[in-house]
Amino acid sequence: LCLNKPKTTEFADYVNQLRIVPVS
């Protein structure tokens, strides 16, 4: 999911921007 992250973007910031919602 994070392979598309720009080099200038922090890992955590990119993850947060993905708006991931876990579902059970």
PDBML (XML) file of the C-alpha atoms, coordinates in Angstrom:
<?xml version="1.0" encoding="UTF-8" ?>
<PDBx:datablock datablockName="MODEL"
   xmlns:PDBx="http://pdbml.pdb.org/schema/pdbx-v50.xsd"
   xmlns:xsi="http://www.w3.org/2001/XMLSchema-instance"
   xsi:schemaLocation="http://pdbml.pdb.org/schema/pdbx-v50.xsd pdbx-v50.xsd">
   <PDBx:atom_siteCategory>
      <PDBx:atom_site id="1">
         <PDBx:B_iso_or_equiv>0.00</PDBx:B_iso_or_equiv>
         <PDBx:Cartn_x>0.000</PDBx:Cartn_x>
         <PDBx:Cartn_y>0.000</PDBx:Cartn_y>
         <PDBx:Cartn_z>0.000</PDBx:Cartn_z>
         <PDBx:auth_asym_id>A</PDBx:auth_asym_id>
         <PDBx:auth_atom_id>CA</PDBx:auth_atom_id>
         <PDBx:auth_comp_id>LEU</PDBx:auth_comp_id>
         <PDBx:auth_seq_id>1</PDBx:auth_seq_id>
         <PDBx:group_PDB>ATOM</PDBx:group_PDB>
         <PDBx:label_alt_id xsi:nil="true" />
         <PDBx:label_asym_id>A</PDBx:label_asym_id>
         <PDBx:label_atom_id>CA</PDBx:label_atom_id>
         <PDBx:label_comp_id>LEU</PDBx:label_comp_id>
         <PDBx:label_entity_id>1</PDBx:label_entity_id>
         <PDBx:label_seq_id>1</PDBx:label_seq_id>
         <PDBx:occupancy>1.00</PDBx:occupancy>
         <PDBx:pdbx_PDB_model_num>1</PDBx:pdbx_PDB_model_num>
         <PDBx:type_symbol>C</PDBx:type_symbol>
      </PDBx:atom_site>
      <PDBx:atom_site id="2">
         <PDBx:B_iso_or_equiv>0.00</PDBx:B_iso_or_equiv>
         <PDBx:Cartn_x>2.916</PDBx:Cartn_x>
         <PDBx:Cartn_y>2.337</PDBx:Cartn_y>
         <PDBx:Cartn_z>0.725</PDBx:Cartn_z>
         <PDBx:auth_asym_id>A</PDBx:auth_asym_id>
         <PDBx:auth_atom_id>CA</PDBx:auth_atom_id>
         <PDBx:auth_comp_id>CYS</PDBx:auth_comp_id>
         <PDBx:auth_seq_id>2</PDBx:auth_seq_id>
         <PDBx:group_PDB>ATOM</PDBx:group_PDB>
         <PDBx:label_alt_id xsi:nil="true" />
         <PDBx:label_asym_id>A</PDBx:label_asym_id>
         <PDBx:label_atom_id>CA</PDBx:label_atom_id>
         <PDBx:label_comp_id>CYS</PDBx:label_comp_id>
         <PDBx:label_entity_id>1</PDBx:label_entity_id>
         <PDBx:label_seq_id>2</PDBx:label_seq_id>
         <PDBx:occupancy>1.00</PDBx:occupancy>
         <PDBx:pdbx_PDB_model_num>1</PDBx:pdbx_PDB_model_num>
         <PDBx:type_symbol>C</PDBx:type_symbol>
      </PDBx:atom_site>
      <PDBx:atom_site id="3">
         <PDBx:B_iso_or_equiv>0.00</PDBx:B_iso_or_equiv>
         <PDBx:Cartn_x>4.956</PDBx:Cartn_x>
         <PDBx:Cartn_y>1.672</PDBx:Cartn_y>
         <PDBx:Cartn_z>-2.436</PDBx:Cartn_z>
         <PDBx:auth_asym_id>A</PDBx:auth_asym_id>
         <PDBx:auth_atom_id>CA</PDBx:auth_atom_id>
         <PDBx:auth_comp_id>LEU</PDBx:auth_comp_id>
         <PDBx:auth_seq_id>3</PDBx:auth_seq_id>
         <PDBx:group_PDB>ATOM</PDBx:group_PDB>
         <PDBx:label_alt_id xsi:nil="true" />
         <PDBx:label_asym_id>A</PDBx:label_asym_id>
         <PDBx:label_atom_id>CA</PDBx:label_atom_id>
         <PDBx:label_comp_id>LEU</PDBx:label_comp_id>
         <PDBx:label_entity_id>1</PDBx:label_entity_id>
         <PDBx:label_seq_id>3</PDBx:label_seq_id>
         <PDBx:occupancy>1.00</PDBx:occupancy>
         <PDBx:pdbx_PDB_model_num>1</PDBx:pdbx_PDB_model_num>
         <PDBx:type_symbol>C</PDBx:type_symbol>
      </PDBx:atom_site>
      <PDBx:atom_site id="4">
         <PDBx:B_iso_or_equiv>0.00</PDBx:B_iso_or_equiv>
         <PDBx:Cartn_x>3.309</PDBx:Cartn_x>
         <PDBx:Cartn_y>4.762</PDBx:Cartn_y>
         <PDBx:Cartn_z>-3.948</PDBx:Cartn_z>
         <PDBx:auth_asym_id>A</PDBx:auth_asym_id>
         <PDBx:auth_atom_id>CA</PDBx:auth_atom_id>
         <PDBx:auth_comp_id>ASN</PDBx:auth_comp_id>
         <PDBx:auth_seq_id>4</PDBx:auth_seq_id>
         <PDBx:group_PDB>ATOM</PDBx:group_PDB>
         <PDBx:label_alt_id xsi:nil="true" />
         <PDBx:label_asym_id>A</PDBx:label_asym_id>
         <PDBx:label_atom_id>CA</PDBx:label_atom_id>
         <PDBx:label_comp_id>ASN</PDBx:label_comp_id>
         <PDBx:label_entity_id>1</PDBx:label_entity_id>
         <PDBx:label_seq_id>4</PDBx:label_seq_id>
         <PDBx:occupancy>1.00</PDBx:occupancy>
         <PDBx:pdbx_PDB_model_num>1</PDBx:pdbx_PDB_model_num>
         <PDBx:type_symbol>C</PDBx:type_symbol>
      </PDBx:atom_site>
      <PDBx:atom_site id="5">
         <PDBx:B_iso_or_equiv>0.00</PDBx:B_iso_or_equiv>
         <PDBx:Cartn_x>4.490</PDBx:Cartn_x>
         <PDBx:Cartn_y>6.999</PDBx:Cartn_y>
         <PDBx:Cartn_z>-1.089</PDBx:Cartn_z>
         <PDBx:auth_asym_id>A</PDBx:auth_asym_id>
         <PDBx:auth_atom_id>CA</PDBx:auth_atom_id>
         <PDBx:auth_comp_id>LYS</PDBx:auth_comp_id>
         <PDBx:auth_seq_id>5</PDBx:auth_seq_id>
         <PDBx:group_PDB>ATOM</PDBx:group_PDB>
         <PDBx:label_alt_id xsi:nil="true" />
         <PDBx:label_asym_id>A</PDBx:label_asym_id>
         <PDBx:label_atom_id>CA</PDBx:label_atom_id>
         <PDBx:label_comp_id>LYS</PDBx:label_comp_id>
         <PDBx:label_entity_id>1</PDBx:label_entity_id>
         <PDBx:label_seq_id>5</PDBx:label_seq_id>
         <PDBx:occupancy>1.00</PDBx:occupancy>
         <PDBx:pdbx_PDB_model_num>1</PDBx:pdbx_PDB_model_num>
         <PDBx:type_symbol>C</PDBx:type_symbol>
      </PDBx:atom_site>
      <PDBx:atom_site id="6">
         <PDBx:B_iso_or_equiv>0.00</PDBx:B_iso_or_equiv>
         <PDBx:Cartn_x>6.404</PDBx:Cartn_x>
         <PDBx:Cartn_y>10.072</PDBx:Cartn_y>
         <PDBx:Cartn_z>-2.301</PDBx:Cartn_z>
         <PDBx:auth_asym_id>A</PDBx:auth_asym_id>
         <PDBx:auth_atom_id>CA</PDBx:auth_atom_id>
         <PDBx:auth_comp_id>PRO</PDBx:auth_comp_id>
         <PDBx:auth_seq_id>6</PDBx:auth_seq_id>
         <PDBx:group_PDB>ATOM</PDBx:group_PDB>
         <PDBx:label_alt_id xsi:nil="true" />
         <PDBx:label_asym_id>A</PDBx:label_asym_id>
         <PDBx:label_atom_id>CA</PDBx:label_atom_id>
         <PDBx:label_comp_id>PRO</PDBx:label_comp_id>
         <PDBx:label_entity_id>1</PDBx:label_entity_id>
         <PDBx:label_seq_id>6</PDBx:label_seq_id>
         <PDBx:occupancy>1.00</PDBx:occupancy>
         <PDBx:pdbx_PDB_model_num>1</PDBx:pdbx_PDB_model_num>
         <PDBx:type_symbol>C</PDBx:type_symbol>
      </PDBx:atom_site>
      <PDBx:atom_site id="7">
         <PDBx:B_iso_or_equiv>0.00</PDBx:B_iso_or_equiv>
         <PDBx:Cartn_x>9.942</PDBx:Cartn_x>
         <PDBx:Cartn_y>10.268</PDBx:Cartn_y>
         <PDBx:Cartn_z>-0.940</PDBx:Cartn_z>
         <PDBx:auth_asym_id>A</PDBx:auth_asym_id>
         <PDBx:auth_atom_id>CA</PDBx:auth_atom_id>
         <PDBx:auth_comp_id>LYS</PDBx:auth_comp_id>
         <PDBx:auth_seq_id>7</PDBx:auth_seq_id>
         <PDBx:group_PDB>ATOM</PDBx:group_PDB>
         <PDBx:label_alt_id xsi:nil="true" />
         <PDBx:label_asym_id>A</PDBx:label_asym_id>
         <PDBx:label_atom_id>CA</PDBx:label_atom_id>
         <PDBx:label_comp_id>LYS</PDBx:label_comp_id>
         <PDBx:label_entity_id>1</PDBx:label_entity_id>
         <PDBx:label_seq_id>7</PDBx:label_seq_id>
         <PDBx:occupancy>1.00</PDBx:occupancy>
         <PDBx:pdbx_PDB_model_num>1</PDBx:pdbx_PDB_model_num>
         <PDBx:type_symbol>C</PDBx:type_symbol>
      </PDBx:atom_site>
      <PDBx:atom_site id="8">
         <PDBx:B_iso_or_equiv>0.00</PDBx:B_iso_or_equiv>
         <PDBx:Cartn_x>9.123</PDBx:Cartn_x>
         <PDBx:Cartn_y>13.598</PDBx:Cartn_y>
         <PDBx:Cartn_z>0.692</PDBx:Cartn_z>
         <PDBx:auth_asym_id>A</PDBx:auth_asym_id>
         <PDBx:auth_atom_id>CA</PDBx:auth_atom_id>
         <PDBx:auth_comp_id>THR</PDBx:auth_comp_id>
         <PDBx:auth_seq_id>8</PDBx:auth_seq_id>
         <PDBx:group_PDB>ATOM</PDBx:group_PDB>
         <PDBx:label_alt_id xsi:nil="true" />
         <PDBx:label_asym_id>A</PDBx:label_asym_id>
         <PDBx:label_atom_id>CA</PDBx:label_atom_id>
         <PDBx:label_comp_id>THR</PDBx:label_comp_id>
         <PDBx:label_entity_id>1</PDBx:label_entity_id>
         <PDBx:label_seq_id>8</PDBx:label_seq_id>
         <PDBx:occupancy>1.00</PDBx:occupancy>
         <PDBx:pdbx_PDB_model_num>1</PDBx:pdbx_PDB_model_num>
         <PDBx:type_symbol>C</PDBx:type_symbol>
      </PDBx:atom_site>
      <PDBx:atom_site id="9">
         <PDBx:B_iso_or_equiv>0.00</PDBx:B_iso_or_equiv>
         <PDBx:Cartn_x>6.207</PDBx:Cartn_x>
         <PDBx:Cartn_y>12.145</PDBx:Cartn_y>
         <PDBx:Cartn_z>2.692</PDBx:Cartn_z>
         <PDBx:auth_asym_id>A</PDBx:auth_asym_id>
         <PDBx:auth_atom_id>CA</PDBx:auth_atom_id>
         <PDBx:auth_comp_id>THR</PDBx:auth_comp_id>
         <PDBx:auth_seq_id>9</PDBx:auth_seq_id>
         <PDBx:group_PDB>ATOM</PDBx:group_PDB>
         <PDBx:label_alt_id xsi:nil="true" />
         <PDBx:label_asym_id>A</PDBx:label_asym_id>
         <PDBx:label_atom_id>CA</PDBx:label_atom_id>
         <PDBx:label_comp_id>THR</PDBx:label_comp_id>
         <PDBx:label_entity_id>1</PDBx:label_entity_id>
         <PDBx:label_seq_id>9</PDBx:label_seq_id>
         <PDBx:occupancy>1.00</PDBx:occupancy>
         <PDBx:pdbx_PDB_model_num>1</PDBx:pdbx_PDB_model_num>
         <PDBx:type_symbol>C</PDBx:type_symbol>
      </PDBx:atom_site>
      <PDBx:atom_site id="10">
         <PDBx:B_iso_or_equiv>0.00</PDBx:B_iso_or_equiv>
         <PDBx:Cartn_x>6.758</PDBx:Cartn_x>
         <PDBx:Cartn_y>10.523</PDBx:Cartn_y>
         <PDBx:Cartn_z>6.074</PDBx:Cartn_z>
         <PDBx:auth_asym_id>A</PDBx:auth_asym_id>
         <PDBx:auth_atom_id>CA</PDBx:auth_atom_id>
         <PDBx:auth_comp_id>GLU</PDBx:auth_comp_id>
         <PDBx:auth_seq_id>10</PDBx:auth_seq_id>
         <PDBx:group_PDB>ATOM</PDBx:group_PDB>
         <PDBx:label_alt_id xsi:nil="true" />
         <PDBx:label_asym_id>A</PDBx:label_asym_id>
         <PDBx:label_atom_id>CA</PDBx:label_atom_id>
         <PDBx:label_comp_id>GLU</PDBx:label_comp_id>
         <PDBx:label_entity_id>1</PDBx:label_entity_id>
         <PDBx:label_seq_id>10</PDBx:label_seq_id>
         <PDBx:occupancy>1.00</PDBx:occupancy>
         <PDBx:pdbx_PDB_model_num>1</PDBx:pdbx_PDB_model_num>
         <PDBx:type_symbol>C</PDBx:type_symbol>
      </PDBx:atom_site>
      <PDBx:atom_site id="11">
         <PDBx:B_iso_or_equiv>0.00</PDBx:B_iso_or_equiv>
         <PDBx:Cartn_x>5.664</PDBx:Cartn_x>
         <PDBx:Cartn_y>6.886</PDBx:Cartn_y>
         <PDBx:Cartn_z>6.367</PDBx:Cartn_z>
         <PDBx:auth_asym_id>A</PDBx:auth_asym_id>
         <PDBx:auth_atom_id>CA</PDBx:auth_atom_id>
         <PDBx:auth_comp_id>PHE</PDBx:auth_comp_id>
         <PDBx:auth_seq_id>11</PDBx:auth_seq_id>
         <PDBx:group_PDB>ATOM</PDBx:group_PDB>
         <PDBx:label_alt_id xsi:nil="true" />
         <PDBx:label_asym_id>A</PDBx:label_asym_id>
         <PDBx:label_atom_id>CA</PDBx:label_atom_id>
         <PDBx:label_comp_id>PHE</PDBx:label_comp_id>
         <PDBx:label_entity_id>1</PDBx:label_entity_id>
         <PDBx:label_seq_id>11</PDBx:label_seq_id>
         <PDBx:occupancy>1.00</PDBx:occupancy>
         <PDBx:pdbx_PDB_model_num>1</PDBx:pdbx_PDB_model_num>
         <PDBx:type_symbol>C</PDBx:type_symbol>
      </PDBx:atom_site>
      <PDBx:atom_site id="12">
         <PDBx:B_iso_or_equiv>0.00</PDBx:B_iso_or_equiv>
         <PDBx:Cartn_x>3.142</PDBx:Cartn_x>
         <PDBx:Cartn_y>7.577</PDBx:Cartn_y>
         <PDBx:Cartn_z>9.154</PDBx:Cartn_z>
         <PDBx:auth_asym_id>A</PDBx:auth_asym_id>
         <PDBx:auth_atom_id>CA</PDBx:auth_atom_id>
         <PDBx:auth_comp_id>ALA</PDBx:auth_comp_id>
         <PDBx:auth_seq_id>12</PDBx:auth_seq_id>
         <PDBx:group_PDB>ATOM</PDBx:group_PDB>
         <PDBx:label_alt_id xsi:nil="true" />
         <PDBx:label_asym_id>A</PDBx:label_asym_id>
         <PDBx:label_atom_id>CA</PDBx:label_atom_id>
         <PDBx:label_comp_id>ALA</PDBx:label_comp_id>
         <PDBx:label_entity_id>1</PDBx:label_entity_id>
         <PDBx:label_seq_id>12</PDBx:label_seq_id>
         <PDBx:occupancy>1.00</PDBx:occupancy>
         <PDBx:pdbx_PDB_model_num>1</PDBx:pdbx_PDB_model_num>
         <PDBx:type_symbol>C</PDBx:type_symbol>
      </PDBx:atom_site>
      <PDBx:atom_site id="13">
         <PDBx:B_iso_or_equiv>0.00</PDBx:B_iso_or_equiv>
         <PDBx:Cartn_x>1.673</PDBx:Cartn_x>
         <PDBx:Cartn_y>10.532</PDBx:Cartn_y>
         <PDBx:Cartn_z>7.279</PDBx:Cartn_z>
         <PDBx:auth_asym_id>A</PDBx:auth_asym_id>
         <PDBx:auth_atom_id>CA</PDBx:auth_atom_id>
         <PDBx:auth_comp_id>ASP</PDBx:auth_comp_id>
         <PDBx:auth_seq_id>13</PDBx:auth_seq_id>
         <PDBx:group_PDB>ATOM</PDBx:group_PDB>
         <PDBx:label_alt_id xsi:nil="true" />
         <PDBx:label_asym_id>A</PDBx:label_asym_id>
         <PDBx:label_atom_id>CA</PDBx:label_atom_id>
         <PDBx:label_comp_id>ASP</PDBx:label_comp_id>
         <PDBx:label_entity_id>1</PDBx:label_entity_id>
         <PDBx:label_seq_id>13</PDBx:label_seq_id>
         <PDBx:occupancy>1.00</PDBx:occupancy>
         <PDBx:pdbx_PDB_model_num>1</PDBx:pdbx_PDB_model_num>
         <PDBx:type_symbol>C</PDBx:type_symbol>
      </PDBx:atom_site>
      <PDBx:atom_site id="14">
         <PDBx:B_iso_or_equiv>0.00</PDBx:B_iso_or_equiv>
         <PDBx:Cartn_x>1.125</PDBx:Cartn_x>
         <PDBx:Cartn_y>8.427</PDBx:Cartn_y>
         <PDBx:Cartn_z>4.170</PDBx:Cartn_z>
         <PDBx:auth_asym_id>A</PDBx:auth_asym_id>
         <PDBx:auth_atom_id>CA</PDBx:auth_atom_id>
         <PDBx:auth_comp_id>TYR</PDBx:auth_comp_id>
         <PDBx:auth_seq_id>14</PDBx:auth_seq_id>
         <PDBx:group_PDB>ATOM</PDBx:group_PDB>
         <PDBx:label_alt_id xsi:nil="true" />
         <PDBx:label_asym_id>A</PDBx:label_asym_id>
         <PDBx:label_atom_id>CA</PDBx:label_atom_id>
         <PDBx:label_comp_id>TYR</PDBx:label_comp_id>
         <PDBx:label_entity_id>1</PDBx:label_entity_id>
         <PDBx:label_seq_id>14</PDBx:label_seq_id>
         <PDBx:occupancy>1.00</PDBx:occupancy>
         <PDBx:pdbx_PDB_model_num>1</PDBx:pdbx_PDB_model_num>
         <PDBx:type_symbol>C</PDBx:type_symbol>
      </PDBx:atom_site>
      <PDBx:atom_site id="15">
         <PDBx:B_iso_or_equiv>0.00</PDBx:B_iso_or_equiv>
         <PDBx:Cartn_x>-0.513</PDBx:Cartn_x>
         <PDBx:Cartn_y>5.613</PDBx:Cartn_y>
         <PDBx:Cartn_z>6.170</PDBx:Cartn_z>
         <PDBx:auth_asym_id>A</PDBx:auth_asym_id>
         <PDBx:auth_atom_id>CA</PDBx:auth_atom_id>
         <PDBx:auth_comp_id>VAL</PDBx:auth_comp_id>
         <PDBx:auth_seq_id>15</PDBx:auth_seq_id>
         <PDBx:group_PDB>ATOM</PDBx:group_PDB>
         <PDBx:label_alt_id xsi:nil="true" />
         <PDBx:label_asym_id>A</PDBx:label_asym_id>
         <PDBx:label_atom_id>CA</PDBx:label_atom_id>
         <PDBx:label_comp_id>VAL</PDBx:label_comp_id>
         <PDBx:label_entity_id>1</PDBx:label_entity_id>
         <PDBx:label_seq_id>15</PDBx:label_seq_id>
         <PDBx:occupancy>1.00</PDBx:occupancy>
         <PDBx:pdbx_PDB_model_num>1</PDBx:pdbx_PDB_model_num>
         <PDBx:type_symbol>C</PDBx:type_symbol>
      </PDBx:atom_site>
      <PDBx:atom_site id="16">
         <PDBx:B_iso_or_equiv>0.00</PDBx:B_iso_or_equiv>
         <PDBx:Cartn_x>-2.832</PDBx:Cartn_x>
         <PDBx:Cartn_y>8.125</PDBx:Cartn_y>
         <PDBx:Cartn_z>7.829</PDBx:Cartn_z>
         <PDBx:auth_asym_id>A</PDBx:auth_asym_id>
         <PDBx:auth_atom_id>CA</PDBx:auth_atom_id>
         <PDBx:auth_comp_id>ASN</PDBx:auth_comp_id>
         <PDBx:auth_seq_id>16</PDBx:auth_seq_id>
         <PDBx:group_PDB>ATOM</PDBx:group_PDB>
         <PDBx:label_alt_id xsi:nil="true" />
         <PDBx:label_asym_id>A</PDBx:label_asym_id>
         <PDBx:label_atom_id>CA</PDBx:label_atom_id>
         <PDBx:label_comp_id>ASN</PDBx:label_comp_id>
         <PDBx:label_entity_id>1</PDBx:label_entity_id>
         <PDBx:label_seq_id>16</PDBx:label_seq_id>
         <PDBx:occupancy>1.00</PDBx:occupancy>
         <PDBx:pdbx_PDB_model_num>1</PDBx:pdbx_PDB_model_num>
         <PDBx:type_symbol>C</PDBx:type_symbol>
      </PDBx:atom_site>
      <PDBx:atom_site id="17">
         <PDBx:B_iso_or_equiv>0.00</PDBx:B_iso_or_equiv>
         <PDBx:Cartn_x>-3.737</PDBx:Cartn_x>
         <PDBx:Cartn_y>9.591</PDBx:Cartn_y>
         <PDBx:Cartn_z>4.419</PDBx:Cartn_z>
         <PDBx:auth_asym_id>A</PDBx:auth_asym_id>
         <PDBx:auth_atom_id>CA</PDBx:auth_atom_id>
         <PDBx:auth_comp_id>GLN</PDBx:auth_comp_id>
         <PDBx:auth_seq_id>17</PDBx:auth_seq_id>
         <PDBx:group_PDB>ATOM</PDBx:group_PDB>
         <PDBx:label_alt_id xsi:nil="true" />
         <PDBx:label_asym_id>A</PDBx:label_asym_id>
         <PDBx:label_atom_id>CA</PDBx:label_atom_id>
         <PDBx:label_comp_id>GLN</PDBx:label_comp_id>
         <PDBx:label_entity_id>1</PDBx:label_entity_id>
         <PDBx:label_seq_id>17</PDBx:label_seq_id>
         <PDBx:occupancy>1.00</PDBx:occupancy>
         <PDBx:pdbx_PDB_model_num>1</PDBx:pdbx_PDB_model_num>
         <PDBx:type_symbol>C</PDBx:type_symbol>
      </PDBx:atom_site>
      <PDBx:atom_site id="18">
         <PDBx:B_iso_or_equiv>0.00</PDBx:B_iso_or_equiv>
         <PDBx:Cartn_x>-4.857</PDBx:Cartn_x>
         <PDBx:Cartn_y>6.150</PDBx:Cartn_y>
         <PDBx:Cartn_z>3.217</PDBx:Cartn_z>
         <PDBx:auth_asym_id>A</PDBx:auth_asym_id>
         <PDBx:auth_atom_id>CA</PDBx:auth_atom_id>
         <PDBx:auth_comp_id>LEU</PDBx:auth_comp_id>
         <PDBx:auth_seq_id>18</PDBx:auth_seq_id>
         <PDBx:group_PDB>ATOM</PDBx:group_PDB>
         <PDBx:label_alt_id xsi:nil="true" />
         <PDBx:label_asym_id>A</PDBx:label_asym_id>
         <PDBx:label_atom_id>CA</PDBx:label_atom_id>
         <PDBx:label_comp_id>LEU</PDBx:label_comp_id>
         <PDBx:label_entity_id>1</PDBx:label_entity_id>
         <PDBx:label_seq_id>18</PDBx:label_seq_id>
         <PDBx:occupancy>1.00</PDBx:occupancy>
         <PDBx:pdbx_PDB_model_num>1</PDBx:pdbx_PDB_model_num>
         <PDBx:type_symbol>C</PDBx:type_symbol>
      </PDBx:atom_site>
      <PDBx:atom_site id="19">
         <PDBx:B_iso_or_equiv>0.00</PDBx:B_iso_or_equiv>
         <PDBx:Cartn_x>-7.743</PDBx:Cartn_x>
         <PDBx:Cartn_y>6.294</PDBx:Cartn_y>
         <PDBx:Cartn_z>5.717</PDBx:Cartn_z>
         <PDBx:auth_asym_id>A</PDBx:auth_asym_id>
         <PDBx:auth_atom_id>CA</PDBx:auth_atom_id>
         <PDBx:auth_comp_id>ARG</PDBx:auth_comp_id>
         <PDBx:auth_seq_id>19</PDBx:auth_seq_id>
         <PDBx:group_PDB>ATOM</PDBx:group_PDB>
         <PDBx:label_alt_id xsi:nil="true" />
         <PDBx:label_asym_id>A</PDBx:label_asym_id>
         <PDBx:label_atom_id>CA</PDBx:label_atom_id>
         <PDBx:label_comp_id>ARG</PDBx:label_comp_id>
         <PDBx:label_entity_id>1</PDBx:label_entity_id>
         <PDBx:label_seq_id>19</PDBx:label_seq_id>
         <PDBx:occupancy>1.00</PDBx:occupancy>
         <PDBx:pdbx_PDB_model_num>1</PDBx:pdbx_PDB_model_num>
         <PDBx:type_symbol>C</PDBx:type_symbol>
      </PDBx:atom_site>
      <PDBx:atom_site id="20">
         <PDBx:B_iso_or_equiv>0.00</PDBx:B_iso_or_equiv>
         <PDBx:Cartn_x>-7.415</PDBx:Cartn_x>
         <PDBx:Cartn_y>2.615</PDBx:Cartn_y>
         <PDBx:Cartn_z>6.646</PDBx:Cartn_z>
         <PDBx:auth_asym_id>A</PDBx:auth_asym_id>
         <PDBx:auth_atom_id>CA</PDBx:auth_atom_id>
         <PDBx:auth_comp_id>ILE</PDBx:auth_comp_id>
         <PDBx:auth_seq_id>20</PDBx:auth_seq_id>
         <PDBx:group_PDB>ATOM</PDBx:group_PDB>
         <PDBx:label_alt_id xsi:nil="true" />
         <PDBx:label_asym_id>A</PDBx:label_asym_id>
         <PDBx:label_atom_id>CA</PDBx:label_atom_id>
         <PDBx:label_comp_id>ILE</PDBx:label_comp_id>
         <PDBx:label_entity_id>1</PDBx:label_entity_id>
         <PDBx:label_seq_id>20</PDBx:label_seq_id>
         <PDBx:occupancy>1.00</PDBx:occupancy>
         <PDBx:pdbx_PDB_model_num>1</PDBx:pdbx_PDB_model_num>
         <PDBx:type_symbol>C</PDBx:type_symbol>
      </PDBx:atom_site>
      <PDBx:atom_site id="21">
         <PDBx:B_iso_or_equiv>0.00</PDBx:B_iso_or_equiv>
         <PDBx:Cartn_x>-10.404</PDBx:Cartn_x>
         <PDBx:Cartn_y>1.199</PDBx:Cartn_y>
         <PDBx:Cartn_z>8.536</PDBx:Cartn_z>
         <PDBx:auth_asym_id>A</PDBx:auth_asym_id>
         <PDBx:auth_atom_id>CA</PDBx:auth_atom_id>
         <PDBx:auth_comp_id>VAL</PDBx:auth_comp_id>
         <PDBx:auth_seq_id>21</PDBx:auth_seq_id>
         <PDBx:group_PDB>ATOM</PDBx:group_PDB>
         <PDBx:label_alt_id xsi:nil="true" />
         <PDBx:label_asym_id>A</PDBx:label_asym_id>
         <PDBx:label_atom_id>CA</PDBx:label_atom_id>
         <PDBx:label_comp_id>VAL</PDBx:label_comp_id>
         <PDBx:label_entity_id>1</PDBx:label_entity_id>
         <PDBx:label_seq_id>21</PDBx:label_seq_id>
         <PDBx:occupancy>1.00</PDBx:occupancy>
         <PDBx:pdbx_PDB_model_num>1</PDBx:pdbx_PDB_model_num>
         <PDBx:type_symbol>C</PDBx:type_symbol>
      </PDBx:atom_site>
      <PDBx:atom_site id="22">
         <PDBx:B_iso_or_equiv>0.00</PDBx:B_iso_or_equiv>
         <PDBx:Cartn_x>-9.996</PDBx:Cartn_x>
         <PDBx:Cartn_y>-2.333</PDBx:Cartn_y>
         <PDBx:Cartn_z>9.990</PDBx:Cartn_z>
         <PDBx:auth_asym_id>A</PDBx:auth_asym_id>
         <PDBx:auth_atom_id>CA</PDBx:auth_atom_id>
         <PDBx:auth_comp_id>PRO</PDBx:auth_comp_id>
         <PDBx:auth_seq_id>22</PDBx:auth_seq_id>
         <PDBx:group_PDB>ATOM</PDBx:group_PDB>
         <PDBx:label_alt_id xsi:nil="true" />
         <PDBx:label_asym_id>A</PDBx:label_asym_id>
         <PDBx:label_atom_id>CA</PDBx:label_atom_id>
         <PDBx:label_comp_id>PRO</PDBx:label_comp_id>
         <PDBx:label_entity_id>1</PDBx:label_entity_id>
         <PDBx:label_seq_id>22</PDBx:label_seq_id>
         <PDBx:occupancy>1.00</PDBx:occupancy>
         <PDBx:pdbx_PDB_model_num>1</PDBx:pdbx_PDB_model_num>
         <PDBx:type_symbol>C</PDBx:type_symbol>
      </PDBx:atom_site>
      <PDBx:atom_site id="23">
         <PDBx:B_iso_or_equiv>0.00</PDBx:B_iso_or_equiv>
         <PDBx:Cartn_x>-13.091</PDBx:Cartn_x>
         <PDBx:Cartn_y>-4.508</PDBx:Cartn_y>
         <PDBx:Cartn_z>9.592</PDBx:Cartn_z>
         <PDBx:auth_asym_id>A</PDBx:auth_asym_id>
         <PDBx:auth_atom_id>CA</PDBx:auth_atom_id>
         <PDBx:auth_comp_id>VAL</PDBx:auth_comp_id>
         <PDBx:auth_seq_id>23</PDBx:auth_seq_id>
         <PDBx:group_PDB>ATOM</PDBx:group_PDB>
         <PDBx:label_alt_id xsi:nil="true" />
         <PDBx:label_asym_id>A</PDBx:label_asym_id>
         <PDBx:label_atom_id>CA</PDBx:label_atom_id>
         <PDBx:label_comp_id>VAL</PDBx:label_comp_id>
         <PDBx:label_entity_id>1</PDBx:label_entity_id>
         <PDBx:label_seq_id>23</PDBx:label_seq_id>
         <PDBx:occupancy>1.00</PDBx:occupancy>
         <PDBx:pdbx_PDB_model_num>1</PDBx:pdbx_PDB_model_num>
         <PDBx:type_symbol>C</PDBx:type_symbol>
      </PDBx:atom_site>
      <PDBx:atom_site id="24">
         <PDBx:B_iso_or_equiv>0.00</PDBx:B_iso_or_equiv>
         <PDBx:Cartn_x>-13.991</PDBx:Cartn_x>
         <PDBx:Cartn_y>-7.685</PDBx:Cartn_y>
         <PDBx:Cartn_z>11.512</PDBx:Cartn_z>
         <PDBx:auth_asym_id>A</PDBx:auth_asym_id>
         <PDBx:auth_atom_id>CA</PDBx:auth_atom_id>
         <PDBx:auth_comp_id>SER</PDBx:auth_comp_id>
         <PDBx:auth_seq_id>24</PDBx:auth_seq_id>
         <PDBx:group_PDB>ATOM</PDBx:group_PDB>
         <PDBx:label_alt_id xsi:nil="true" />
         <PDBx:label_asym_id>A</PDBx:label_asym_id>
         <PDBx:label_atom_id>CA</PDBx:label_atom_id>
         <PDBx:label_comp_id>SER</PDBx:label_comp_id>
         <PDBx:label_entity_id>1</PDBx:label_entity_id>
         <PDBx:label_seq_id>24</PDBx:label_seq_id>
         <PDBx:occupancy>1.00</PDBx:occupancy>
         <PDBx:pdbx_PDB_model_num>1</PDBx:pdbx_PDB_model_num>
         <PDBx:type_symbol>C</PDBx:type_symbol>
      </PDBx:atom_site>
   </PDBx:atom_siteCategory>
</PDBx:datablock>
